[in-house]
Amino acid sequence: MQTRIAAVSIIVENLEVVDKLNNILHDYNDYIIGRLGIPYRQRGISIICIILDAPNDVISALAGKLGMLPNVTAKTVYSKPFPVQAADDGPKEAIGEVIAQAGGEAEEACEQASGKAERRLWTNWW
């Protein structure tokens, strides 16, 4: 099964629903990889951003439940699908696999891009 990274932006205009919102988010805590909450006291609202790594149907279900809450607006942005990795596969193994499949061209392109970025950084710094 494929998963996607998604960012769910939530605006809460009535703080009375915060308990319900937190209960919904708690139900999806296995998929949440990050959360940022900002109270905007001057306007009496809260802005929350949730980052998920989950199958598409799980992300849609969460967004749907959040959208059903009164005075809550939720919008979701999705990444491209990612294949599920085996538990022992880490990021380095996945990157190595991609480089091997590309026949070394990807590695060369990364090195060139890295060098250009480094030169640009030093040029801009001086």
C-alpha atoms as a PDB file:
ATOM      1  CA  MET A   1       0.000   0.000   0.000  1.00  0.00           C
ATOM      2  CA  GLN A   2       1.248   3.475  -0.854  1.00  0.00           C
ATOM      3  CA  THR A   3       1.325   6.367   1.549  1.00  0.00           C
ATOM      4  CA  ARG A   4       1.441  10.080   0.972  1.00  0.00           C
ATOM      5  CA  ILE A   5       2.763  13.015   2.909  1.00  0.00           C
ATOM      6  CA  ALA A   6      -0.006  15.524   3.499  1.00  0.00           C
ATOM      7  CA  ALA A   7      -0.255  18.889   5.213  1.00  0.00           C
ATOM      8  CA  VAL A   8      -3.638  19.670   6.695  1.00  0.00           C
ATOM      9  CA  SER A   9      -4.141  23.349   7.524  1.00  0.00           C
ATOM     10  CA  ILE A  10      -6.893  24.005  10.024  1.00  0.00           C
ATOM     11  CA  ILE A  11      -8.451  27.300  11.103  1.00  0.00           C
ATOM     12  CA  VAL A  12     -10.550  27.144  14.271  1.00  0.00           C
ATOM     13  CA  GLU A  13     -12.880  30.134  14.610  1.00  0.00           C
ATOM     14  CA  ASN A  14     -14.693  28.947  17.747  1.00  0.00           C
ATOM     15  CA  LEU A  15     -12.520  27.600  20.537  1.00  0.00           C
ATOM     16  CA  GLU A  16     -15.428  25.569  21.985  1.00  0.00           C
ATOM     17  CA  VAL A  17     -14.735  22.804  19.425  1.00  0.00           C
ATOM     18  CA  VAL A  18     -11.053  22.398  20.379  1.00  0.00           C
ATOM     19  CA  ASP A  19     -11.742  19.338  22.562  1.00  0.00           C
ATOM     20  CA  LYS A  20     -13.565  17.575  19.725  1.00  0.00           C
ATOM     21  CA  LEU A  21     -10.778  18.507  17.301  1.00  0.00           C
ATOM     22  CA  ASN A  22      -8.089  17.175  19.652  1.00  0.00           C
ATOM     23  CA  ASN A  23     -10.026  13.909  20.092  1.00  0.00           C
ATOM     24  CA  ILE A  24     -10.169  13.457  16.315  1.00  0.00           C
ATOM     25  CA  LEU A  25      -6.448  14.167  15.985  1.00  0.00           C
ATOM     26  CA  HIS A  26      -5.722  11.720  18.795  1.00  0.00           C
ATOM     27  CA  ASP A  27      -7.526   8.996  16.816  1.00  0.00           C
ATOM     28  CA  TYR A  28      -5.028   9.546  13.970  1.00  0.00           C
ATOM     29  CA  ASN A  29      -1.875   9.912  16.081  1.00  0.00           C
ATOM     30  CA  ASP A  30      -0.248   6.868  14.447  1.00  0.00           C
ATOM     31  CA  TYR A  31      -0.094   8.806  11.173  1.00  0.00           C
ATOM     32  CA  ILE A  32       0.742  12.293  12.463  1.00  0.00           C
ATOM     33  CA  ILE A  33       4.430  13.130  12.135  1.00  0.00           C
ATOM     34  CA  GLY A  34       4.202  16.780  13.167  1.00  0.00           C
ATOM     35  CA  ARG A  35       1.846  19.403  14.509  1.00  0.00           C
ATOM     36  CA  LEU A  36       2.113  23.166  14.775  1.00  0.00           C
ATOM     37  CA  GLY A  37      -0.502  25.237  16.562  1.00  0.00           C
ATOM     38  CA  ILE A  38      -0.600  29.012  16.653  1.00  0.00           C
ATOM     39  CA  PRO A  39      -3.151  30.886  18.751  1.00  0.00           C
ATOM     40  CA  TYR A  40      -3.986  34.218  17.106  1.00  0.00           C
ATOM     41  CA  ARG A  41      -5.429  35.963  20.128  1.00  0.00           C
ATOM     42  CA  GLN A  42      -6.033  39.322  18.414  1.00  0.00           C
ATOM     43  CA  ARG A  43      -8.529  37.602  16.087  1.00  0.00           C
ATOM     44  CA  GLY A  44      -9.771  34.970  18.546  1.00  0.00           C
ATOM     45  CA  ILE A  45      -8.827  32.049  16.273  1.00  0.00           C
ATOM     46  CA  SER A  46      -6.309  29.221  16.226  1.00  0.00           C
ATOM     47  CA  ILE A  47      -4.315  28.027  13.236  1.00  0.00           C
ATOM     48  CA  ILE A  48      -3.093  24.433  13.253  1.00  0.00           C
ATOM     49  CA  CYS A  49      -0.995  22.574  10.701  1.00  0.00           C
ATOM     50  CA  ILE A  50      -0.820  18.773  10.822  1.00  0.00           C
ATOM     51  CA  ILE A  51       1.700  16.758   8.796  1.00  0.00           C
ATOM     52  CA  LEU A  52       0.725  13.141   8.044  1.00  0.00           C
ATOM     53  CA  ASP A  53       2.319  10.121   6.423  1.00  0.00           C
ATOM     54  CA  ALA A  54      -0.672   7.925   5.663  1.00  0.00           C
ATOM     55  CA  PRO A  55      -2.655   6.156   2.946  1.00  0.00           C
ATOM     56  CA  ASN A  56      -4.891   8.409   0.873  1.00  0.00           C
ATOM     57  CA  ASP A  57      -8.128   7.118   2.428  1.00  0.00           C
ATOM     58  CA  VAL A  58      -6.889   7.844   5.964  1.00  0.00           C
ATOM     59  CA  ILE A  59      -5.931  11.417   5.031  1.00  0.00           C
ATOM     60  CA  SER A  60      -9.300  11.979   3.362  1.00  0.00           C
ATOM     61  CA  ALA A  61     -11.186  10.550   6.347  1.00  0.00           C
ATOM     62  CA  LEU A  62      -9.352  12.853   8.769  1.00  0.00           C
ATOM     63  CA  ALA A  63      -9.918  15.924   6.596  1.00  0.00           C
ATOM     64  CA  GLY A  64     -13.599  15.029   6.244  1.00  0.00           C
ATOM     65  CA  LYS A  65     -14.086  14.679  10.002  1.00  0.00           C
ATOM     66  CA  LEU A  66     -12.337  17.979  10.649  1.00  0.00           C
ATOM     67  CA  GLY A  67     -14.444  19.722   8.010  1.00  0.00           C
ATOM     68  CA  MET A  68     -17.638  18.526   9.698  1.00  0.00           C
ATOM     69  CA  LEU A  69     -16.822  20.418  12.899  1.00  0.00           C
ATOM     70  CA  PRO A  70     -18.691  23.722  13.213  1.00  0.00           C
ATOM     71  CA  ASN A  71     -16.568  26.855  12.669  1.00  0.00           C
ATOM     72  CA  VAL A  72     -13.582  24.776  11.521  1.00  0.00           C
ATOM     73  CA  THR A  73     -12.049  25.053   8.064  1.00  0.00           C
ATOM     74  CA  ALA A  74      -9.601  22.374   6.911  1.00  0.00           C
ATOM     75  CA  LYS A  75      -7.670  22.204   3.635  1.00  0.00           C
ATOM     76  CA  THR A  76      -5.258  19.463   2.615  1.00  0.00           C
ATOM     77  CA  VAL A  77      -2.232  19.438   0.319  1.00  0.00           C
ATOM     78  CA  TYR A  78      -0.894  16.059  -0.848  1.00  0.00           C
ATOM     79  CA  SER A  79       2.512  14.849  -2.002  1.00  0.00           C
ATOM     80  CA  LYS A  80       2.997  12.239  -4.668  1.00  0.00           C
ATOM     81  CA  PRO A  81       2.450   8.647  -3.416  1.00  0.00           C
ATOM     82  CA  PHE A  82       5.356   6.820  -1.778  1.00  0.00           C
ATOM     83  CA  PRO A  83       5.697   3.035  -1.735  1.00  0.00           C
ATOM     84  CA  VAL A  84       5.735   1.566   1.750  1.00  0.00           C
ATOM     85  CA  GLN A  85       9.307   0.713   2.823  1.00  0.00           C
ATOM     86  CA  ALA A  86      10.297  -2.409   4.686  1.00  0.00           C
ATOM     87  CA  ALA A  87      11.060  -1.813   8.363  1.00  0.00           C
ATOM     88  CA  ASP A  88      14.826  -2.299   7.881  1.00  0.00           C
ATOM     89  CA  ASP A  89      15.025   0.070   4.889  1.00  0.00           C
ATOM     90  CA  GLY A  90      16.195   3.492   5.868  1.00  0.00           C
ATOM     91  CA  PRO A  91      16.516   6.666   3.823  1.00  0.00           C
ATOM     92  CA  LYS A  92      20.126   5.928   2.858  1.00  0.00           C
ATOM     93  CA  GLU A  93      19.199   2.544   1.417  1.00  0.00           C
ATOM     94  CA  ALA A  94      16.334   4.070  -0.551  1.00  0.00           C
ATOM     95  CA  ILE A  95      18.577   6.821  -1.962  1.00  0.00           C
ATOM     96  CA  GLY A  96      21.263   4.272  -2.840  1.00  0.00           C
ATOM     97  CA  GLU A  97      18.669   2.192  -4.645  1.00  0.00           C
ATOM     98  CA  VAL A  98      17.527   5.179  -6.712  1.00  0.00           C
ATOM     99  CA  ILE A  99      21.105   6.052  -7.610  1.00  0.00           C
ATOM    100  CA  ALA A 100      21.813   2.454  -8.618  1.00  0.00           C
ATOM    101  CA  GLN A 101      18.718   2.392 -10.830  1.00  0.00           C
ATOM    102  CA  ALA A 102      19.742   5.647 -12.499  1.00  0.00           C
ATOM    103  CA  GLY A 103      23.140   4.196 -13.423  1.00  0.00           C
ATOM    104  CA  GLY A 104      25.174   6.762 -11.509  1.00  0.00           C
ATOM    105  CA  GLU A 105      23.803   9.733 -13.476  1.00  0.00           C
ATOM    106  CA  ALA A 106      21.751  10.878 -10.498  1.00  0.00           C
ATOM    107  CA  GLU A 107      24.797  10.824  -8.229  1.00  0.00           C
ATOM    108  CA  GLU A 108      26.780  12.951 -10.678  1.00  0.00           C
ATOM    109  CA  ALA A 109      23.895  15.421 -11.030  1.00  0.00           C
ATOM    110  CA  CYS A 110      23.599  15.709  -7.234  1.00  0.00           C
ATOM    111  CA  GLU A 111      27.317  16.357  -6.875  1.00  0.00           C
ATOM    112  CA  GLN A 112      27.231  19.044  -9.574  1.00  0.00           C
ATOM    113  CA  ALA A 113      24.180  20.722  -8.025  1.00  0.00           C
ATOM    114  CA  SER A 114      25.756  20.567  -4.587  1.00  0.00           C
ATOM    115  CA  GLY A 115      28.939  22.209  -5.859  1.00  0.00           C
ATOM    116  CA  LYS A 116      26.985  24.986  -7.587  1.00  0.00           C
ATOM    117  CA  ALA A 117      24.945  25.657  -4.461  1.00  0.00           C
ATOM    118  CA  GLU A 118      28.069  25.771  -2.320  1.00  0.00           C
ATOM    119  CA  ARG A 119      29.812  28.203  -4.700  1.00  0.00           C
ATOM    120  CA  ARG A 120      26.672  30.368  -4.824  1.00  0.00           C
ATOM    121  CA  LEU A 121      26.505  30.405  -1.009  1.00  0.00           C
ATOM    122  CA  TRP A 122      30.097  31.560  -0.672  1.00  0.00           C
ATOM    123  CA  THR A 123      29.713  34.123  -3.468  1.00  0.00           C
ATOM    124  CA  ASN A 124      26.593  35.619  -1.882  1.00  0.00           C
ATOM    125  CA  TRP A 125      28.182  35.616   1.552  1.00  0.00           C
ATOM    126  CA  TRP A 126      31.105  37.805   0.446  1.00  0.00           C
END
